[in-house]
Amino acid sequence: MKRPGRFEHTQYLGDKRTQLVYDVDAWTDESVVDDIVATNSGICFAPDTLAEARNRGYRLATA
């Protein structure tokens, strides 16, 4: 999947509404990521790792 414009340098994209994090490189359902960007509910992490997302209370989303 292509990374969204605002998050083009981000592999892990979090959804503030659900506290789920999506691995954009592995995720196949573009509508979920498009919804996160459209509603301005996305968050990125520094460093851009799954460990940092989990440190902030986010869980990895599964298909």
N, C-alpha and C. Protein backbone atom coordinates (compact mmCIF):
# COMPACT_ATOMS: atom_id res chain seq x y z
N MET A 1 0.84 -1.17 0.00
CA MET A 1 0.00 0.00 0.00
C MET A 1 0.89 1.24 0.00
N LYS A 2 0.47 2.26 -0.71
CA LYS A 2 1.20 3.52 -0.76
C LYS A 2 0.95 4.31 0.53
N ARG A 3 2.00 4.91 1.04
CA ARG A 3 1.86 5.70 2.27
C ARG A 3 1.14 7.00 1.97
N PRO A 4 0.25 7.44 2.88
CA PRO A 4 -0.48 8.70 2.65
C PRO A 4 0.45 9.90 2.73
N GLY A 5 0.08 10.98 2.04
CA GLY A 5 0.91 12.16 1.91
C GLY A 5 1.41 12.75 3.22
N ARG A 6 0.53 12.96 4.17
CA ARG A 6 0.94 13.56 5.44
C ARG A 6 1.84 12.64 6.25
N PHE A 7 1.78 11.34 5.98
CA PHE A 7 2.54 10.36 6.75
C PHE A 7 3.47 9.56 5.84
N GLU A 8 4.04 10.23 4.84
CA GLU A 8 4.84 9.52 3.85
C GLU A 8 6.12 8.91 4.40
N HIS A 9 6.60 9.40 5.54
CA HIS A 9 7.81 8.86 6.15
C HIS A 9 7.49 8.00 7.36
N THR A 10 6.25 7.58 7.49
CA THR A 10 5.79 6.84 8.66
C THR A 10 5.36 5.43 8.27
N GLN A 11 5.94 4.44 8.92
CA GLN A 11 5.51 3.06 8.68
C GLN A 11 4.35 2.71 9.61
N TYR A 12 4.42 3.16 10.86
CA TYR A 12 3.38 2.84 11.84
C TYR A 12 2.49 4.05 12.04
N LEU A 13 1.22 3.90 11.67
CA LEU A 13 0.24 4.98 11.76
C LEU A 13 -0.80 4.61 12.80
N GLY A 14 -0.94 5.46 13.81
CA GLY A 14 -1.88 5.20 14.89
C GLY A 14 -3.21 5.90 14.65
N ASP A 15 -4.28 5.30 15.15
CA ASP A 15 -5.62 5.89 15.11
C ASP A 15 -5.97 6.30 16.54
N LYS A 16 -6.07 7.61 16.78
CA LYS A 16 -6.34 8.12 18.12
C LYS A 16 -7.71 7.67 18.64
N ARG A 17 -8.66 7.41 17.75
CA ARG A 17 -10.01 7.04 18.17
C ARG A 17 -10.07 5.63 18.76
N THR A 18 -9.27 4.73 18.21
CA THR A 18 -9.36 3.32 18.62
C THR A 18 -8.12 2.82 19.34
N GLN A 19 -7.06 3.63 19.38
CA GLN A 19 -5.78 3.24 19.98
C GLN A 19 -5.18 2.02 19.28
N LEU A 20 -5.44 1.91 17.97
CA LEU A 20 -4.83 0.85 17.16
C LEU A 20 -3.75 1.47 16.30
N VAL A 21 -2.71 0.69 16.04
CA VAL A 21 -1.63 1.14 15.16
C VAL A 21 -1.59 0.21 13.96
N TYR A 22 -1.39 0.80 12.78
CA TYR A 22 -1.38 0.07 11.53
C TYR A 22 0.02 0.12 10.91
N ASP A 23 0.51 -1.02 10.49
CA ASP A 23 1.76 -1.09 9.74
C ASP A 23 1.38 -0.81 8.29
N VAL A 24 1.58 0.41 7.85
CA VAL A 24 1.11 0.85 6.54
C VAL A 24 1.75 0.04 5.42
N ASP A 25 2.99 -0.41 5.61
CA ASP A 25 3.66 -1.19 4.58
C ASP A 25 3.04 -2.58 4.41
N ALA A 26 2.44 -3.12 5.45
CA ALA A 26 1.87 -4.46 5.39
C ALA A 26 0.34 -4.46 5.28
N TRP A 27 -0.29 -3.34 5.59
CA TRP A 27 -1.76 -3.25 5.60
C TRP A 27 -2.29 -3.21 4.17
N THR A 28 -3.38 -3.93 3.88
CA THR A 28 -3.90 -4.00 2.51
C THR A 28 -5.19 -3.24 2.30
N ASP A 29 -5.92 -2.93 3.35
CA ASP A 29 -7.20 -2.23 3.23
C ASP A 29 -6.98 -0.72 3.27
N GLU A 30 -6.89 -0.11 2.10
CA GLU A 30 -6.59 1.32 2.01
C GLU A 30 -7.68 2.20 2.62
N SER A 31 -8.91 1.73 2.68
CA SER A 31 -10.02 2.55 3.19
C SER A 31 -9.82 2.89 4.66
N VAL A 32 -9.22 2.01 5.43
CA VAL A 32 -8.98 2.28 6.86
C VAL A 32 -8.00 3.43 7.01
N VAL A 33 -6.89 3.37 6.30
CA VAL A 33 -5.88 4.43 6.38
C VAL A 33 -6.42 5.73 5.81
N ASP A 34 -7.17 5.67 4.74
CA ASP A 34 -7.77 6.87 4.16
C ASP A 34 -8.73 7.53 5.15
N ASP A 35 -9.48 6.74 5.90
CA ASP A 35 -10.40 7.27 6.91
C ASP A 35 -9.64 7.96 8.04
N ILE A 36 -8.54 7.38 8.46
CA ILE A 36 -7.72 7.98 9.52
C ILE A 36 -7.20 9.34 9.08
N VAL A 37 -6.72 9.42 7.86
CA VAL A 37 -6.19 10.69 7.34
C VAL A 37 -7.31 11.71 7.15
N ALA A 38 -8.45 11.27 6.62
CA ALA A 38 -9.56 12.18 6.34
C ALA A 38 -10.16 12.78 7.61
N THR A 39 -10.14 12.04 8.71
CA THR A 39 -10.73 12.52 9.95
C THR A 39 -9.70 13.18 10.88
N ASN A 40 -8.47 13.32 10.40
CA ASN A 40 -7.40 13.92 11.21
C ASN A 40 -7.22 13.23 12.55
N SER A 41 -7.36 11.93 12.57
CA SER A 41 -7.20 11.18 13.81
C SER A 41 -5.93 10.34 13.81
N GLY A 42 -5.02 10.62 12.88
CA GLY A 42 -3.78 9.86 12.78
C GLY A 42 -2.70 10.43 13.67
N ILE A 43 -1.82 9.55 14.09
CA ILE A 43 -0.67 9.95 14.89
C ILE A 43 0.52 9.10 14.45
N CYS A 44 1.69 9.71 14.42
CA CYS A 44 2.89 8.96 14.12
C CYS A 44 3.76 8.94 15.37
N PHE A 45 4.75 8.10 15.37
CA PHE A 45 5.57 7.88 16.55
C PHE A 45 7.04 8.14 16.22
N ALA A 46 7.75 8.62 17.20
CA ALA A 46 9.19 8.84 17.04
C ALA A 46 9.89 8.18 18.22
N PRO A 47 10.70 7.21 17.98
CA PRO A 47 11.05 6.63 16.69
C PRO A 47 9.88 5.84 16.10
N ASP A 48 9.92 5.67 14.80
CA ASP A 48 8.83 5.02 14.06
C ASP A 48 8.95 3.50 14.20
N THR A 49 8.62 3.02 15.40
CA THR A 49 8.71 1.59 15.68
C THR A 49 7.44 1.11 16.37
N LEU A 50 7.19 -0.18 16.25
CA LEU A 50 6.04 -0.78 16.93
C LEU A 50 6.23 -0.71 18.44
N ALA A 51 7.44 -0.85 18.89
CA ALA A 51 7.72 -0.78 20.34
C ALA A 51 7.31 0.59 20.90
N GLU A 52 7.59 1.67 20.18
CA GLU A 52 7.21 3.01 20.64
C GLU A 52 5.70 3.17 20.64
N ALA A 53 5.02 2.64 19.63
CA ALA A 53 3.56 2.71 19.59
C ALA A 53 2.97 1.97 20.79
N ARG A 54 3.50 0.79 21.08
CA ARG A 54 3.01 0.03 22.25
C ARG A 54 3.32 0.76 23.55
N ASN A 55 4.45 1.44 23.60
CA ASN A 55 4.83 2.21 24.78
C ASN A 55 3.79 3.31 25.06
N ARG A 56 3.15 3.80 24.02
CA ARG A 56 2.14 4.85 24.16
C ARG A 56 0.73 4.29 24.30
N GLY A 57 0.60 2.97 24.42
CA GLY A 57 -0.69 2.36 24.69
C GLY A 57 -1.44 1.88 23.45
N TYR A 58 -0.79 1.87 22.30
CA TYR A 58 -1.45 1.43 21.06
C TYR A 58 -1.21 -0.07 20.87
N ARG A 59 -2.20 -0.73 20.27
CA ARG A 59 -2.10 -2.15 19.94
C ARG A 59 -2.04 -2.31 18.43
N LEU A 60 -1.34 -3.32 17.96
CA LEU A 60 -1.22 -3.57 16.53
C LEU A 60 -2.55 -4.08 15.99
N ALA A 61 -3.04 -3.45 14.94
CA ALA A 61 -4.29 -3.86 14.30
C ALA A 61 -4.06 -5.11 13.47
N THR A 62 -5.04 -5.99 13.45
CA THR A 62 -4.98 -7.20 12.64
C THR A 62 -6.09 -7.17 11.62
N ALA A 63 -5.85 -7.80 10.50
CA ALA A 63 -6.84 -7.81 9.41
C ALA A 63 -8.07 -8.62 9.77
